[in-house]
N, C-alpha and C. Protein backbone atom coordinates (compact mmCIF):
# COMPACT_ATOMS: atom_id res chain seq x y z
N MET A 1 93.70 98.55 104.03
CA MET A 1 94.51 97.36 103.86
C MET A 1 95.58 97.35 104.95
N ASN A 2 95.84 96.19 105.52
CA ASN A 2 96.86 96.10 106.55
C ASN A 2 98.24 96.21 105.93
N SER A 3 99.16 96.83 106.67
CA SER A 3 100.52 96.96 106.16
C SER A 3 101.30 95.70 106.47
N GLY A 4 102.07 95.24 105.49
CA GLY A 4 102.94 94.11 105.71
C GLY A 4 104.16 94.54 106.49
N GLY A 5 104.95 93.59 106.87
CA GLY A 5 106.12 93.91 107.68
C GLY A 5 107.37 94.06 106.86
N ARG A 6 107.24 94.27 105.54
CA ARG A 6 108.43 94.27 104.69
C ARG A 6 108.49 95.54 103.87
N GLY A 7 108.13 96.67 104.45
CA GLY A 7 108.11 97.93 103.71
C GLY A 7 109.40 98.68 103.83
N GLY A 8 109.41 99.89 103.20
CA GLY A 8 110.53 100.79 103.36
C GLY A 8 111.79 100.39 102.64
N LEU A 9 111.68 99.63 101.56
CA LEU A 9 112.89 99.21 100.85
C LEU A 9 113.33 100.27 99.87
N ARG A 10 114.61 100.26 99.51
CA ARG A 10 115.12 101.20 98.52
C ARG A 10 115.96 100.45 97.49
N ALA A 11 115.91 100.92 96.24
CA ALA A 11 116.74 100.34 95.19
C ALA A 11 117.49 101.45 94.51
N THR A 12 118.70 101.19 94.05
CA THR A 12 119.52 102.21 93.42
C THR A 12 119.59 101.98 91.93
N THR A 13 119.27 103.00 91.12
CA THR A 13 119.38 102.88 89.67
C THR A 13 120.81 103.14 89.26
N ALA A 14 121.10 102.91 87.96
CA ALA A 14 122.45 103.12 87.45
C ALA A 14 122.84 104.58 87.55
N ALA A 15 121.87 105.48 87.57
CA ALA A 15 122.15 106.91 87.67
C ALA A 15 122.35 107.33 89.12
N GLY A 16 122.22 106.39 90.03
CA GLY A 16 122.43 106.72 91.43
C GLY A 16 121.21 107.30 92.09
N VAL A 17 120.05 107.17 91.48
CA VAL A 17 118.82 107.71 92.05
C VAL A 17 118.22 106.68 92.99
N LEU A 18 117.92 107.07 94.19
CA LEU A 18 117.29 106.15 95.14
C LEU A 18 115.80 106.18 94.95
N LEU A 19 115.21 105.02 94.74
CA LEU A 19 113.78 104.91 94.52
C LEU A 19 113.15 104.24 95.74
N LEU A 20 112.22 104.93 96.35
CA LEU A 20 111.56 104.38 97.52
C LEU A 20 110.57 103.32 97.12
N LEU A 21 110.74 102.10 97.61
CA LEU A 21 109.78 101.05 97.39
C LEU A 21 108.82 101.04 98.58
N ALA A 22 107.91 102.01 98.58
CA ALA A 22 106.98 102.16 99.70
C ALA A 22 105.90 101.10 99.57
N LEU A 23 106.13 99.96 100.17
CA LEU A 23 105.24 98.83 99.98
C LEU A 23 103.97 99.00 100.78
N ALA A 24 102.86 98.64 100.15
CA ALA A 24 101.55 98.87 100.74
C ALA A 24 101.08 97.70 101.60
N GLY A 25 101.76 96.59 101.56
CA GLY A 25 101.34 95.44 102.36
C GLY A 25 100.26 94.63 101.69
N CYS A 26 100.33 93.32 101.83
CA CYS A 26 99.36 92.45 101.19
C CYS A 26 98.17 92.18 102.07
N GLY A 27 98.17 92.70 103.28
CA GLY A 27 97.02 92.49 104.13
C GLY A 27 96.99 91.10 104.71
N THR A 28 95.79 90.63 105.03
CA THR A 28 95.64 89.33 105.65
C THR A 28 95.39 88.27 104.60
N GLY A 29 95.25 87.04 105.04
CA GLY A 29 94.96 85.96 104.12
C GLY A 29 93.58 86.11 103.50
N ILE A 30 92.75 86.96 104.08
CA ILE A 30 91.41 87.18 103.53
C ILE A 30 91.44 88.19 102.40
N SER A 31 92.26 89.20 102.55
CA SER A 31 92.21 90.30 101.56
C SER A 31 93.59 90.62 101.01
N GLY A 32 94.30 89.61 100.54
CA GLY A 32 95.62 89.83 99.99
C GLY A 32 95.59 90.72 98.76
N THR A 33 96.48 91.68 98.71
CA THR A 33 96.55 92.60 97.58
C THR A 33 97.97 92.64 97.06
N PRO A 34 98.15 93.07 95.81
CA PRO A 34 99.50 93.16 95.27
C PRO A 34 100.32 94.15 96.07
N ASP A 35 101.60 93.92 96.15
CA ASP A 35 102.51 94.71 96.96
C ASP A 35 103.77 94.91 96.15
N ALA A 36 103.69 95.81 95.17
CA ALA A 36 104.70 95.81 94.12
C ALA A 36 105.59 97.03 94.08
N GLY A 37 105.64 97.80 95.15
CA GLY A 37 106.56 98.91 95.19
C GLY A 37 106.18 100.05 94.27
N VAL A 38 106.93 101.13 94.37
CA VAL A 38 106.69 102.31 93.53
C VAL A 38 107.48 102.17 92.25
N PRO A 39 106.81 102.22 91.11
CA PRO A 39 107.55 102.13 89.85
C PRO A 39 108.41 103.35 89.65
N PRO A 40 109.58 103.19 89.03
CA PRO A 40 110.44 104.34 88.79
C PRO A 40 109.82 105.26 87.77
N SER A 41 110.22 106.53 87.83
CA SER A 41 109.76 107.47 86.82
C SER A 41 110.36 107.08 85.49
N ALA A 42 109.78 107.63 84.40
CA ALA A 42 110.28 107.30 83.07
C ALA A 42 111.75 107.66 82.93
N SER A 43 112.13 108.81 83.51
CA SER A 43 113.53 109.23 83.40
C SER A 43 114.44 108.31 84.16
N ALA A 44 113.97 107.83 85.33
CA ALA A 44 114.81 106.92 86.10
C ALA A 44 114.95 105.59 85.40
N ALA A 45 113.85 105.10 84.82
CA ALA A 45 113.91 103.82 84.12
C ALA A 45 114.85 103.91 82.94
N THR A 46 114.80 105.03 82.24
CA THR A 46 115.67 105.21 81.09
C THR A 46 117.12 105.23 81.52
N SER A 47 117.37 105.93 82.65
CA SER A 47 118.76 106.06 83.09
C SER A 47 119.34 104.73 83.54
N ALA A 48 118.49 103.76 83.81
CA ALA A 48 118.98 102.47 84.27
C ALA A 48 119.61 101.67 83.15
N ALA A 49 119.32 102.03 81.91
CA ALA A 49 119.91 101.31 80.78
C ALA A 49 121.39 101.63 80.72
N PRO A 50 122.23 100.62 80.45
CA PRO A 50 123.66 100.89 80.39
C PRO A 50 124.00 101.80 79.23
N THR A 51 124.99 102.65 79.42
CA THR A 51 125.44 103.55 78.36
C THR A 51 126.91 103.30 78.11
N THR A 52 127.34 103.62 76.91
CA THR A 52 128.74 103.44 76.54
C THR A 52 129.37 104.79 76.28
N ALA A 53 130.47 105.10 76.92
CA ALA A 53 131.11 106.39 76.72
C ALA A 53 131.71 106.44 75.32
N ALA A 54 131.62 107.63 74.71
CA ALA A 54 132.19 107.80 73.38
C ALA A 54 133.70 107.77 73.47
N THR A 55 134.33 107.14 72.50
CA THR A 55 135.79 107.09 72.49
C THR A 55 136.30 107.58 71.15
N SER A 56 137.50 108.10 71.13
CA SER A 56 138.08 108.61 69.88
C SER A 56 138.58 107.44 69.05
N PRO A 57 138.32 107.45 67.74
CA PRO A 57 138.81 106.36 66.90
C PRO A 57 140.32 106.42 66.77
N ALA A 58 140.91 105.25 66.53
CA ALA A 58 142.35 105.23 66.30
C ALA A 58 142.63 105.89 64.98
N GLY A 59 143.69 106.70 64.90
CA GLY A 59 144.02 107.36 63.64
C GLY A 59 143.46 108.76 63.60
N PRO A 60 143.70 109.49 62.50
CA PRO A 60 143.30 110.90 62.41
C PRO A 60 141.79 111.06 62.35
N ALA A 61 141.31 112.16 62.91
CA ALA A 61 139.88 112.46 62.86
C ALA A 61 139.52 112.89 61.45
N PRO A 62 138.30 112.62 60.97
CA PRO A 62 137.92 113.05 59.62
C PRO A 62 137.87 114.56 59.52
N ALA A 63 138.09 115.06 58.33
CA ALA A 63 138.04 116.50 58.09
C ALA A 63 136.63 117.00 58.34
N ALA A 64 136.54 118.31 58.66
CA ALA A 64 135.23 118.89 58.97
C ALA A 64 134.28 118.77 57.80
N SER A 65 134.81 118.76 56.58
CA SER A 65 133.96 118.69 55.40
C SER A 65 133.46 117.27 55.12
N SER A 66 133.99 116.30 55.86
CA SER A 66 133.60 114.91 55.64
C SER A 66 133.15 114.28 56.96
N PRO A 67 132.00 114.70 57.45
CA PRO A 67 131.54 114.16 58.73
C PRO A 67 131.28 112.66 58.64
N ALA A 68 131.46 112.00 59.74
CA ALA A 68 131.18 110.56 59.78
C ALA A 68 129.68 110.33 59.60
N PRO A 69 129.29 109.30 58.85
CA PRO A 69 127.86 109.04 58.65
C PRO A 69 127.18 108.66 59.96
N ALA A 70 125.93 109.08 60.10
CA ALA A 70 125.18 108.78 61.31
C ALA A 70 124.89 107.28 61.38
N ALA A 71 124.95 106.75 62.57
CA ALA A 71 124.65 105.32 62.75
C ALA A 71 123.17 105.10 62.48
N PRO A 72 122.81 104.01 61.80
CA PRO A 72 121.39 103.75 61.54
C PRO A 72 120.63 103.51 62.83
N ALA A 73 119.41 104.00 62.88
CA ALA A 73 118.58 103.81 64.07
C ALA A 73 118.26 102.34 64.24
N ALA A 74 118.36 101.87 65.46
CA ALA A 74 118.06 100.47 65.73
C ALA A 74 116.57 100.22 65.52
N SER A 75 116.24 99.14 64.84
CA SER A 75 114.84 98.83 64.61
C SER A 75 114.21 98.36 65.90
N GLN A 76 112.97 98.76 66.11
CA GLN A 76 112.25 98.37 67.31
C GLN A 76 110.96 97.67 66.93
N PRO A 77 110.46 96.79 67.78
CA PRO A 77 109.21 96.10 67.46
C PRO A 77 108.06 97.08 67.28
N ALA A 78 107.13 96.72 66.41
CA ALA A 78 105.96 97.56 66.18
C ALA A 78 105.08 97.56 67.43
N VAL A 79 104.46 98.70 67.69
CA VAL A 79 103.58 98.84 68.84
C VAL A 79 102.28 99.51 68.41
N LEU A 80 101.33 99.60 69.33
CA LEU A 80 100.04 100.23 69.06
C LEU A 80 100.03 101.65 69.60
N PRO A 81 99.17 102.51 69.06
CA PRO A 81 99.05 103.86 69.61
C PRO A 81 98.42 103.83 70.99
N ARG A 82 98.55 104.91 71.72
CA ARG A 82 98.01 104.98 73.08
C ARG A 82 96.49 104.82 73.07
N SER A 83 95.98 103.97 73.95
CA SER A 83 94.54 103.81 74.16
C SER A 83 94.36 103.07 75.49
N GLU A 84 93.61 103.65 76.41
CA GLU A 84 93.49 103.08 77.74
C GLU A 84 92.72 101.76 77.72
N PRO A 85 93.06 100.86 78.63
CA PRO A 85 92.43 99.53 78.65
C PRO A 85 91.03 99.57 79.26
N VAL A 86 90.20 98.63 78.82
CA VAL A 86 88.82 98.52 79.31
C VAL A 86 88.62 97.20 80.05
N THR A 87 88.97 96.10 79.39
CA THR A 87 88.81 94.78 80.01
C THR A 87 90.04 93.92 79.77
N LEU A 88 90.24 92.96 80.67
CA LEU A 88 91.32 91.99 80.58
C LEU A 88 90.69 90.61 80.52
N GLU A 89 91.12 89.79 79.56
CA GLU A 89 90.62 88.43 79.44
C GLU A 89 91.80 87.45 79.36
N ILE A 90 91.72 86.39 80.16
CA ILE A 90 92.70 85.31 80.10
C ILE A 90 91.90 84.01 79.99
N PRO A 91 91.53 83.60 78.78
CA PRO A 91 90.66 82.44 78.61
C PRO A 91 91.18 81.16 79.26
N ALA A 92 92.48 80.97 79.28
CA ALA A 92 93.06 79.73 79.80
C ALA A 92 92.71 79.49 81.27
N ILE A 93 92.47 80.56 82.03
CA ILE A 93 92.12 80.39 83.45
C ILE A 93 90.75 81.00 83.76
N GLY A 94 89.97 81.27 82.73
CA GLY A 94 88.60 81.73 82.92
C GLY A 94 88.47 83.11 83.51
N VAL A 95 89.42 83.99 83.22
CA VAL A 95 89.36 85.35 83.76
C VAL A 95 88.82 86.32 82.72
N ARG A 96 87.83 87.09 83.12
CA ARG A 96 87.39 88.26 82.37
C ARG A 96 87.04 89.33 83.39
N THR A 97 87.73 90.44 83.36
CA THR A 97 87.53 91.47 84.36
C THR A 97 87.54 92.86 83.73
N GLU A 98 86.62 93.70 84.19
CA GLU A 98 86.72 95.12 83.88
C GLU A 98 87.98 95.64 84.58
N LEU A 99 88.56 96.68 84.05
CA LEU A 99 89.79 97.21 84.63
C LEU A 99 89.56 98.57 85.27
N LEU A 100 89.93 98.68 86.54
CA LEU A 100 89.98 99.98 87.18
C LEU A 100 91.23 100.70 86.71
N LYS A 101 91.25 102.01 86.86
CA LYS A 101 92.42 102.81 86.49
C LYS A 101 92.89 103.52 87.75
N LEU A 102 93.96 103.02 88.34
CA LEU A 102 94.43 103.51 89.62
C LEU A 102 95.86 104.02 89.52
N GLY A 103 96.21 104.94 90.43
CA GLY A 103 97.54 105.53 90.43
C GLY A 103 98.28 105.28 91.72
N LEU A 104 98.82 106.36 92.30
CA LEU A 104 99.59 106.27 93.53
C LEU A 104 98.86 106.99 94.66
N ARG A 105 99.02 106.47 95.87
CA ARG A 105 98.52 107.16 97.05
C ARG A 105 99.43 108.34 97.38
N ASP A 106 99.00 109.15 98.33
CA ASP A 106 99.81 110.31 98.74
C ASP A 106 101.16 109.90 99.30
N ASP A 107 101.24 108.69 99.87
CA ASP A 107 102.51 108.25 100.45
C ASP A 107 103.40 107.56 99.43
N GLY A 108 102.97 107.55 98.15
CA GLY A 108 103.80 106.98 97.10
C GLY A 108 103.58 105.52 96.85
N THR A 109 102.71 104.86 97.62
CA THR A 109 102.44 103.45 97.37
C THR A 109 101.39 103.30 96.27
N LEU A 110 101.43 102.17 95.60
CA LEU A 110 100.46 101.90 94.55
C LEU A 110 99.07 101.70 95.14
N GLU A 111 98.08 102.34 94.52
CA GLU A 111 96.70 102.04 94.88
C GLU A 111 96.37 100.63 94.41
N VAL A 112 95.52 99.96 95.17
CA VAL A 112 95.08 98.61 94.79
C VAL A 112 93.55 98.57 94.79
N PRO A 113 92.96 97.66 94.03
CA PRO A 113 91.49 97.58 93.99
C PRO A 113 90.92 97.30 95.38
N GLN A 114 89.85 98.01 95.72
CA GLN A 114 89.19 97.80 97.00
C GLN A 114 88.13 96.72 96.85
N ASP A 115 88.19 95.73 97.71
CA ASP A 115 87.28 94.59 97.64
C ASP A 115 86.10 94.83 98.57
N ASP A 116 84.87 94.82 98.03
CA ASP A 116 83.67 95.04 98.85
C ASP A 116 83.17 93.76 99.50
N GLY A 117 83.91 92.68 99.34
CA GLY A 117 83.52 91.41 99.92
C GLY A 117 83.11 90.37 98.90
N ASN A 118 82.91 90.80 97.66
CA ASN A 118 82.49 89.88 96.61
C ASN A 118 83.54 89.74 95.50
N GLY A 119 84.75 90.13 95.82
CA GLY A 119 85.80 90.07 94.81
C GLY A 119 85.94 91.42 94.12
N ALA A 120 87.15 91.80 93.80
CA ALA A 120 87.42 93.08 93.15
C ALA A 120 87.98 92.85 91.76
N PRO A 121 87.71 93.76 90.83
CA PRO A 121 88.32 93.65 89.50
C PRO A 121 89.81 93.93 89.58
N ALA A 122 90.52 93.62 88.51
CA ALA A 122 91.92 93.99 88.41
C ALA A 122 92.01 95.49 88.10
N SER A 123 93.19 96.04 88.23
CA SER A 123 93.38 97.45 87.93
C SER A 123 94.61 97.63 87.04
N TRP A 124 94.54 98.66 86.22
CA TRP A 124 95.69 99.09 85.42
C TRP A 124 96.34 100.26 86.12
N TYR A 125 97.67 100.20 86.31
CA TYR A 125 98.40 101.32 86.90
C TYR A 125 98.53 102.41 85.86
N ASN A 126 97.87 103.56 86.10
CA ASN A 126 97.77 104.59 85.08
C ASN A 126 99.04 105.42 84.89
N GLY A 127 100.09 105.07 85.64
CA GLY A 127 101.39 105.68 85.39
C GLY A 127 102.24 104.86 84.45
N SER A 128 101.72 103.73 84.01
CA SER A 128 102.44 102.87 83.06
C SER A 128 101.88 103.06 81.66
N PRO A 129 102.59 102.60 80.62
CA PRO A 129 102.05 102.69 79.26
C PRO A 129 100.72 101.97 79.14
N THR A 130 99.88 102.41 78.21
CA THR A 130 98.66 101.66 77.96
C THR A 130 99.02 100.36 77.26
N PRO A 131 98.23 99.31 77.43
CA PRO A 131 98.56 98.02 76.81
C PRO A 131 98.67 98.14 75.30
N GLY A 132 99.81 97.75 74.76
CA GLY A 132 100.06 97.87 73.33
C GLY A 132 101.05 98.97 73.02
N GLU A 133 101.19 99.96 73.91
CA GLU A 133 102.22 100.98 73.73
C GLU A 133 103.59 100.38 74.06
N ARG A 134 104.64 101.08 73.63
CA ARG A 134 105.98 100.62 73.96
C ARG A 134 106.22 100.74 75.47
N GLY A 135 106.77 99.70 76.04
CA GLY A 135 107.03 99.69 77.47
C GLY A 135 106.14 98.71 78.20
N PRO A 136 106.35 98.55 79.51
CA PRO A 136 105.57 97.58 80.28
C PRO A 136 104.29 98.18 80.85
N SER A 137 103.16 97.67 80.46
CA SER A 137 101.88 98.06 81.03
C SER A 137 101.63 97.19 82.25
N VAL A 138 101.28 97.81 83.37
CA VAL A 138 101.23 97.11 84.65
C VAL A 138 99.80 96.96 85.14
N MET A 139 99.42 95.74 85.52
CA MET A 139 98.10 95.47 86.07
C MET A 139 98.24 94.71 87.38
N LEU A 140 97.39 95.08 88.34
CA LEU A 140 97.41 94.50 89.67
C LEU A 140 96.10 93.80 89.97
N GLY A 141 96.14 92.72 90.74
CA GLY A 141 94.92 92.02 91.09
C GLY A 141 95.09 91.22 92.37
N HIS A 142 93.98 91.05 93.09
CA HIS A 142 94.00 90.27 94.33
C HIS A 142 94.19 88.78 94.03
N VAL A 143 94.82 88.10 94.98
CA VAL A 143 94.96 86.66 94.88
C VAL A 143 93.78 85.95 95.56
N ASN A 144 93.10 86.65 96.48
CA ASN A 144 91.94 86.06 97.15
C ASN A 144 90.96 87.18 97.51
N SER A 145 89.87 86.83 98.17
CA SER A 145 88.84 87.82 98.49
C SER A 145 88.14 87.43 99.78
N PRO A 146 87.46 88.38 100.43
CA PRO A 146 86.79 88.06 101.69
C PRO A 146 85.75 86.96 101.57
N ASN A 147 85.17 86.77 100.38
CA ASN A 147 84.16 85.70 100.24
C ASN A 147 84.79 84.33 100.03
N ARG A 148 86.12 84.30 100.06
CA ARG A 148 86.90 83.05 99.95
C ARG A 148 86.68 82.33 98.61
N GLN A 149 86.27 83.07 97.60
CA GLN A 149 86.07 82.48 96.28
C GLN A 149 87.33 82.58 95.42
N GLY A 150 88.32 83.25 95.90
CA GLY A 150 89.54 83.46 95.12
C GLY A 150 89.50 84.79 94.42
N GLY A 151 90.64 85.47 94.41
CA GLY A 151 90.73 86.76 93.73
C GLY A 151 90.86 86.60 92.23
N VAL A 152 90.78 87.74 91.53
CA VAL A 152 90.81 87.71 90.07
C VAL A 152 92.12 87.13 89.53
N PHE A 153 93.21 87.27 90.28
CA PHE A 153 94.50 86.75 89.85
C PHE A 153 94.92 85.50 90.65
N ALA A 154 93.95 84.77 91.17
CA ALA A 154 94.25 83.59 91.99
C ALA A 154 95.00 82.52 91.22
N ASP A 155 94.78 82.43 89.91
CA ASP A 155 95.35 81.33 89.13
C ASP A 155 96.49 81.74 88.20
N LEU A 156 97.12 82.87 88.48
CA LEU A 156 98.23 83.29 87.61
C LEU A 156 99.31 82.23 87.50
N ARG A 157 99.52 81.46 88.54
CA ARG A 157 100.58 80.44 88.51
C ARG A 157 100.30 79.35 87.48
N LYS A 158 99.07 79.23 87.04
CA LYS A 158 98.72 78.21 86.05
C LYS A 158 99.09 78.62 84.63
N LEU A 159 99.42 79.90 84.42
CA LEU A 159 99.74 80.37 83.07
C LEU A 159 101.10 79.84 82.64
N ARG A 160 101.16 79.41 81.38
CA ARG A 160 102.38 78.84 80.82
C ARG A 160 102.85 79.69 79.64
N PRO A 161 104.12 79.63 79.29
CA PRO A 161 104.61 80.37 78.13
C PRO A 161 103.77 80.09 76.90
N GLY A 162 103.42 81.15 76.19
CA GLY A 162 102.60 81.03 74.99
C GLY A 162 101.12 81.26 75.22
N THR A 163 100.68 81.24 76.49
CA THR A 163 99.26 81.50 76.80
C THR A 163 98.90 82.92 76.38
N GLU A 164 97.72 83.08 75.76
CA GLU A 164 97.31 84.40 75.29
C GLU A 164 96.54 85.18 76.35
N ILE A 165 96.80 86.48 76.38
CA ILE A 165 96.11 87.42 77.26
C ILE A 165 95.58 88.54 76.37
N ASN A 166 94.29 88.84 76.48
CA ASN A 166 93.66 89.84 75.63
C ASN A 166 93.24 91.06 76.44
N VAL A 167 93.58 92.23 75.94
CA VAL A 167 93.18 93.47 76.59
C VAL A 167 92.42 94.32 75.59
N SER A 168 91.12 94.54 75.85
CA SER A 168 90.34 95.42 74.98
C SER A 168 90.61 96.87 75.37
N ARG A 169 90.61 97.76 74.37
CA ARG A 169 91.01 99.15 74.60
C ARG A 169 89.90 100.10 74.17
N THR A 170 89.98 101.33 74.64
CA THR A 170 88.90 102.30 74.40
C THR A 170 88.73 102.64 72.93
N ASP A 171 89.77 102.44 72.12
CA ASP A 171 89.64 102.74 70.69
C ASP A 171 88.99 101.59 69.91
N GLY A 172 88.55 100.55 70.62
CA GLY A 172 87.90 99.42 69.96
C GLY A 172 88.83 98.30 69.57
N SER A 173 90.13 98.49 69.72
CA SER A 173 91.09 97.46 69.36
C SER A 173 91.35 96.53 70.54
N THR A 174 91.97 95.40 70.26
CA THR A 174 92.37 94.45 71.30
C THR A 174 93.86 94.18 71.19
N ALA A 175 94.56 94.41 72.28
CA ALA A 175 95.99 94.08 72.34
C ALA A 175 96.12 92.65 72.82
N VAL A 176 96.75 91.80 72.02
CA VAL A 176 96.91 90.39 72.36
C VAL A 176 98.36 90.14 72.77
N PHE A 177 98.53 89.64 73.98
CA PHE A 177 99.85 89.34 74.51
C PHE A 177 100.02 87.83 74.68
N THR A 178 101.25 87.37 74.65
CA THR A 178 101.54 85.97 74.96
C THR A 178 102.48 85.92 76.16
N VAL A 179 102.20 85.01 77.07
CA VAL A 179 102.99 84.88 78.28
C VAL A 179 104.41 84.45 77.93
N ASP A 180 105.36 85.14 78.51
CA ASP A 180 106.77 84.80 78.36
C ASP A 180 107.23 83.93 79.52
N ARG A 181 106.89 84.39 80.75
CA ARG A 181 107.30 83.63 81.93
C ARG A 181 106.59 84.18 83.16
N GLY A 182 106.66 83.42 84.24
CA GLY A 182 106.19 83.88 85.53
C GLY A 182 107.34 83.82 86.52
N GLU A 183 107.40 84.79 87.43
CA GLU A 183 108.50 84.84 88.39
C GLU A 183 107.95 85.11 89.79
N LEU A 184 108.55 84.45 90.78
CA LEU A 184 108.21 84.65 92.18
C LEU A 184 109.31 85.48 92.83
N TYR A 185 108.91 86.55 93.54
CA TYR A 185 109.88 87.43 94.17
C TYR A 185 109.50 87.66 95.63
N GLY A 186 110.48 87.59 96.52
CA GLY A 186 110.25 88.00 97.89
C GLY A 186 110.02 89.50 97.94
N LYS A 187 109.16 89.94 98.83
CA LYS A 187 108.85 91.37 98.89
C LYS A 187 110.04 92.21 99.31
N ASP A 188 111.00 91.58 99.99
CA ASP A 188 112.18 92.33 100.39
C ASP A 188 113.26 92.30 99.32
N SER A 189 112.95 91.73 98.16
CA SER A 189 113.91 91.73 97.05
C SER A 189 113.19 91.95 95.72
N PHE A 190 112.11 92.74 95.76
CA PHE A 190 111.33 92.97 94.54
C PHE A 190 112.16 93.75 93.53
N PRO A 191 112.32 93.22 92.29
CA PRO A 191 113.19 93.85 91.29
C PRO A 191 112.47 94.98 90.54
N THR A 192 112.39 96.14 91.14
CA THR A 192 111.59 97.24 90.62
C THR A 192 111.89 97.55 89.16
N LEU A 193 113.15 97.69 88.81
CA LEU A 193 113.48 98.09 87.44
C LEU A 193 113.23 96.97 86.43
N GLU A 194 113.39 95.73 86.85
CA GLU A 194 113.09 94.63 85.93
C GLU A 194 111.60 94.60 85.60
N VAL A 195 110.77 94.89 86.59
CA VAL A 195 109.32 94.85 86.38
C VAL A 195 108.82 96.09 85.67
N TYR A 196 109.29 97.27 86.09
CA TYR A 196 108.75 98.53 85.59
C TYR A 196 109.63 99.23 84.55
N GLY A 197 110.86 98.77 84.37
CA GLY A 197 111.78 99.47 83.50
C GLY A 197 111.41 99.41 82.03
N ASN A 198 111.99 100.33 81.25
CA ASN A 198 111.69 100.43 79.82
C ASN A 198 111.98 99.13 79.08
N THR A 199 111.18 98.87 78.03
CA THR A 199 111.39 97.70 77.18
C THR A 199 111.36 98.14 75.72
N ALA A 200 112.00 97.37 74.86
CA ALA A 200 112.06 97.74 73.44
C ALA A 200 110.70 97.67 72.78
N GLY A 201 109.89 96.70 73.17
CA GLY A 201 108.57 96.55 72.59
C GLY A 201 107.48 96.75 73.62
N SER A 202 106.27 96.34 73.26
CA SER A 202 105.14 96.44 74.18
C SER A 202 105.07 95.18 75.03
N GLU A 203 105.01 95.36 76.34
CA GLU A 203 104.95 94.23 77.25
C GLU A 203 103.85 94.45 78.29
N LEU A 204 103.52 93.39 79.00
CA LEU A 204 102.48 93.42 80.02
C LEU A 204 103.02 92.77 81.28
N ARG A 205 102.67 93.34 82.43
CA ARG A 205 103.01 92.76 83.73
C ARG A 205 101.71 92.55 84.52
N LEU A 206 101.47 91.34 84.99
CA LEU A 206 100.36 91.04 85.87
C LEU A 206 100.95 90.70 87.24
N ILE A 207 100.52 91.39 88.28
CA ILE A 207 101.16 91.25 89.59
C ILE A 207 100.12 90.91 90.65
N THR A 208 100.45 89.93 91.47
CA THR A 208 99.60 89.59 92.61
C THR A 208 100.48 89.14 93.77
N CYS A 209 99.85 88.79 94.88
CA CYS A 209 100.58 88.31 96.05
C CYS A 209 100.76 86.80 96.01
N ASP A 210 101.71 86.33 96.79
CA ASP A 210 101.98 84.90 96.90
C ASP A 210 102.69 84.68 98.23
N GLY A 211 102.87 83.42 98.55
CA GLY A 211 103.63 83.09 99.75
C GLY A 211 102.92 83.43 101.04
N TYR A 212 101.64 83.01 101.16
CA TYR A 212 100.88 83.31 102.38
C TYR A 212 101.47 82.59 103.59
N ASP A 213 101.67 83.36 104.65
CA ASP A 213 102.20 82.81 105.90
C ASP A 213 101.09 82.80 106.94
N PRO A 214 100.53 81.61 107.27
CA PRO A 214 99.42 81.56 108.23
C PRO A 214 99.81 82.04 109.62
N ALA A 215 101.08 82.03 109.92
CA ALA A 215 101.52 82.47 111.25
C ALA A 215 101.36 83.98 111.42
N THR A 216 101.53 84.72 110.33
CA THR A 216 101.44 86.18 110.40
C THR A 216 100.18 86.72 109.74
N GLY A 217 99.54 85.89 108.88
CA GLY A 217 98.39 86.37 108.13
C GLY A 217 98.78 87.28 106.98
N LEU A 218 100.06 87.28 106.59
CA LEU A 218 100.56 88.14 105.53
C LEU A 218 101.12 87.31 104.38
N PHE A 219 101.26 87.97 103.23
CA PHE A 219 101.89 87.35 102.06
C PHE A 219 103.32 87.87 101.99
N ASP A 220 104.28 86.95 101.86
CA ASP A 220 105.68 87.33 101.86
C ASP A 220 106.25 87.59 100.47
N ASP A 221 105.51 87.20 99.43
CA ASP A 221 106.05 87.27 98.08
C ASP A 221 105.09 87.95 97.11
N ASN A 222 105.61 88.22 95.93
CA ASN A 222 104.81 88.64 94.78
C ASN A 222 105.01 87.64 93.66
N TYR A 223 103.97 87.42 92.87
CA TYR A 223 104.10 86.62 91.66
C TYR A 223 103.82 87.55 90.48
N VAL A 224 104.73 87.53 89.50
CA VAL A 224 104.64 88.44 88.36
C VAL A 224 104.63 87.64 87.06
N ILE A 225 103.63 87.91 86.22
CA ILE A 225 103.59 87.36 84.87
C ILE A 225 104.17 88.38 83.91
N TYR A 226 105.12 87.94 83.09
CA TYR A 226 105.70 88.78 82.03
C TYR A 226 105.11 88.30 80.69
N ALA A 227 104.56 89.22 79.92
CA ALA A 227 104.00 88.87 78.61
C ALA A 227 104.40 89.92 77.58
N LYS A 228 104.44 89.50 76.32
CA LYS A 228 104.83 90.39 75.23
C LYS A 228 103.73 90.49 74.19
N LEU A 229 103.62 91.65 73.54
CA LEU A 229 102.62 91.86 72.50
C LEU A 229 102.85 90.86 71.38
N LYS A 230 101.78 90.21 70.98
CA LYS A 230 101.86 89.20 69.92
C LYS A 230 102.14 89.89 68.60
N ALA A 231 103.11 89.38 67.86
CA ALA A 231 103.47 89.99 66.57
C ALA A 231 102.35 89.79 65.54
């Protein structure tokens, strides 16, 4: 894949950890691929959440024999147990794709599906939660293909809030998500923690390229679909 001209970005988490956004480049207008940076580690994503320093209450501290009651645990949305994804279906735009399971290259960039000329399936980033688990499950797909028939994620922009996305899983279950929103991001301002950071419930991210520049043959943007597990 050709490297884009917008790599080497860095983002700072609340903990002060620098995360390298080693962008892989979207390639040419023929073989555009997602260019979504390196997702933060689980510990980095967690540290990005704001914290509140403990403060002493006004007045005398309680006696040792009368400890303060523990604060009730915050309720969280129900999620599914871990199970790797098999297929992705988006009936509204006629998508049904087997899912590859890809990770990171040696240089830290995200692996992307390799197109043999007839279109490539989408891929699940295997460093993210499985679809239905708590947190954002991340999937990548081409916007176009060498055969000029359009990539698997060519029509993500047509998805509207409430549209259903189905992910079949190896345990035989199907995780059903509903689209919350779609966002367009320049590659030089990709919001790594917003896309990959921890979430209270189970969420899904679909990522592809956008903003093709015929002058350079590169894609300048990413388009991201945010979806949540259907209750």
